[in-house]
Amino acid sequence: MENNTIQNTTDKTLEAVKKALDEVKYGEIIIKMQDGKPVWVDKYERERVG
């Protein structure tokens, strides 16, 4: 059962990363891990001003 849960979490994380890759033009995408499992996807968008 735990393997299935880990796979679901991984699948959701990959979907979030794909979405972030489509949205971020300049910046960072960070995957936060806890106990060997992805728990959060952060995206930081930068904007060039000069």
N, C-alpha and C. Protein backbone atom coordinates (compact mmCIF):
# COMPACT_ATOMS: atom_id res chain seq x y z
N MET A 1 0.83 -1.20 0.00
CA MET A 1 0.00 0.00 0.00
C MET A 1 0.86 1.26 0.00
N GLU A 2 1.95 1.25 0.79
CA GLU A 2 2.81 2.43 0.88
C GLU A 2 3.47 2.74 -0.46
N ASN A 3 3.87 1.72 -1.22
CA ASN A 3 4.46 1.95 -2.54
C ASN A 3 3.50 2.69 -3.45
N ASN A 4 2.21 2.33 -3.40
CA ASN A 4 1.18 2.99 -4.20
C ASN A 4 1.04 4.46 -3.81
N THR A 5 1.08 4.72 -2.50
CA THR A 5 0.98 6.09 -2.01
C THR A 5 2.18 6.92 -2.47
N ILE A 6 3.37 6.34 -2.38
CA ILE A 6 4.58 7.04 -2.83
C ILE A 6 4.49 7.33 -4.33
N GLN A 7 4.01 6.37 -5.10
CA GLN A 7 3.88 6.57 -6.55
C GLN A 7 2.88 7.68 -6.85
N ASN A 8 1.76 7.73 -6.13
CA ASN A 8 0.77 8.79 -6.33
C ASN A 8 1.38 10.15 -6.01
N THR A 9 2.14 10.22 -4.91
CA THR A 9 2.79 11.48 -4.52
C THR A 9 3.79 11.89 -5.59
N THR A 10 4.56 10.95 -6.09
CA THR A 10 5.53 11.24 -7.14
C THR A 10 4.83 11.72 -8.41
N ASP A 11 3.75 11.07 -8.79
CA ASP A 11 2.99 11.48 -9.98
C ASP A 11 2.46 12.91 -9.83
N LYS A 12 1.91 13.22 -8.66
CA LYS A 12 1.38 14.57 -8.42
C LYS A 12 2.51 15.60 -8.45
N THR A 13 3.66 15.23 -7.90
CA THR A 13 4.81 16.14 -7.90
C THR A 13 5.26 16.40 -9.33
N LEU A 14 5.35 15.37 -10.14
CA LEU A 14 5.77 15.55 -11.53
C LEU A 14 4.80 16.43 -12.31
N GLU A 15 3.51 16.27 -12.04
CA GLU A 15 2.51 17.13 -12.69
C GLU A 15 2.70 18.59 -12.27
N ALA A 16 2.97 18.81 -10.98
CA ALA A 16 3.20 20.18 -10.50
C ALA A 16 4.46 20.78 -11.12
N VAL A 17 5.49 19.96 -11.28
CA VAL A 17 6.74 20.44 -11.90
C VAL A 17 6.49 20.76 -13.37
N LYS A 18 5.76 19.92 -14.07
CA LYS A 18 5.44 20.20 -15.48
C LYS A 18 4.68 21.51 -15.62
N LYS A 19 3.71 21.73 -14.74
CA LYS A 19 2.94 22.97 -14.78
C LYS A 19 3.85 24.17 -14.53
N ALA A 20 4.72 24.06 -13.53
CA ALA A 20 5.64 25.15 -13.21
C ALA A 20 6.58 25.43 -14.39
N LEU A 21 7.05 24.39 -15.05
CA LEU A 21 7.94 24.57 -16.21
C LEU A 21 7.24 25.33 -17.34
N ASP A 22 5.95 25.10 -17.49
CA ASP A 22 5.18 25.82 -18.51
C ASP A 22 4.97 27.29 -18.13
N GLU A 23 4.91 27.58 -16.84
CA GLU A 23 4.55 28.92 -16.37
C GLU A 23 5.74 29.84 -16.14
N VAL A 24 6.88 29.30 -15.71
CA VAL A 24 8.02 30.13 -15.31
C VAL A 24 8.92 30.41 -16.52
N LYS A 25 9.11 31.69 -16.80
CA LYS A 25 10.00 32.07 -17.90
C LYS A 25 11.43 32.28 -17.38
N TYR A 26 11.57 33.02 -16.28
CA TYR A 26 12.84 33.22 -15.60
C TYR A 26 12.63 32.93 -14.13
N GLY A 27 13.43 32.08 -13.55
CA GLY A 27 13.28 31.82 -12.12
C GLY A 27 13.77 30.45 -11.73
N GLU A 28 13.17 29.94 -10.66
CA GLU A 28 13.57 28.65 -10.09
C GLU A 28 12.36 27.80 -9.79
N ILE A 29 12.55 26.49 -9.87
CA ILE A 29 11.55 25.53 -9.41
C ILE A 29 12.27 24.62 -8.42
N ILE A 30 11.73 24.52 -7.22
CA ILE A 30 12.38 23.76 -6.15
C ILE A 30 11.42 22.69 -5.65
N ILE A 31 11.91 21.46 -5.57
CA ILE A 31 11.13 20.35 -5.02
C ILE A 31 11.63 20.11 -3.60
N LYS A 32 10.75 20.27 -2.62
CA LYS A 32 11.11 20.05 -1.21
C LYS A 32 10.79 18.61 -0.83
N MET A 33 11.73 17.99 -0.15
CA MET A 33 11.60 16.58 0.22
C MET A 33 11.55 16.44 1.74
N GLN A 34 10.81 15.42 2.21
CA GLN A 34 10.78 15.09 3.63
C GLN A 34 10.68 13.57 3.75
N ASP A 35 11.57 12.99 4.50
CA ASP A 35 11.62 11.53 4.66
C ASP A 35 11.70 10.81 3.32
N GLY A 36 12.45 11.39 2.39
CA GLY A 36 12.66 10.75 1.09
C GLY A 36 11.50 10.89 0.13
N LYS A 37 10.48 11.69 0.48
CA LYS A 37 9.31 11.86 -0.38
C LYS A 37 9.14 13.33 -0.74
N PRO A 38 8.71 13.61 -1.96
CA PRO A 38 8.43 15.01 -2.33
C PRO A 38 7.18 15.49 -1.59
N VAL A 39 7.28 16.69 -0.99
CA VAL A 39 6.13 17.21 -0.24
C VAL A 39 5.69 18.58 -0.74
N TRP A 40 6.52 19.27 -1.50
CA TRP A 40 6.17 20.63 -1.91
C TRP A 40 6.93 20.99 -3.17
N VAL A 41 6.30 21.73 -4.07
CA VAL A 41 6.96 22.29 -5.24
C VAL A 41 6.82 23.80 -5.16
N ASP A 42 7.96 24.49 -5.06
CA ASP A 42 7.97 25.95 -5.02
C ASP A 42 8.45 26.47 -6.35
N LYS A 43 7.87 27.59 -6.78
CA LYS A 43 8.37 28.25 -7.99
C LYS A 43 8.58 29.72 -7.67
N TYR A 44 9.69 30.23 -8.14
CA TYR A 44 10.04 31.62 -7.94
C TYR A 44 10.25 32.25 -9.31
N GLU A 45 9.42 33.20 -9.62
CA GLU A 45 9.50 33.87 -10.93
C GLU A 45 10.33 35.14 -10.77
N ARG A 46 11.20 35.37 -11.72
CA ARG A 46 12.01 36.57 -11.75
C ARG A 46 11.54 37.44 -12.90
N GLU A 47 11.74 38.72 -12.76
CA GLU A 47 11.38 39.62 -13.85
C GLU A 47 12.57 40.53 -14.14
N ARG A 48 12.97 40.55 -15.39
CA ARG A 48 14.08 41.42 -15.79
C ARG A 48 13.60 42.87 -15.88
N VAL A 49 14.36 43.76 -15.28
CA VAL A 49 13.96 45.17 -15.29
C VAL A 49 14.99 46.05 -16.01
N GLY A 50 16.09 45.48 -16.41
CA GLY A 50 17.10 46.33 -17.03
C GLY A 50 17.71 45.75 -18.26
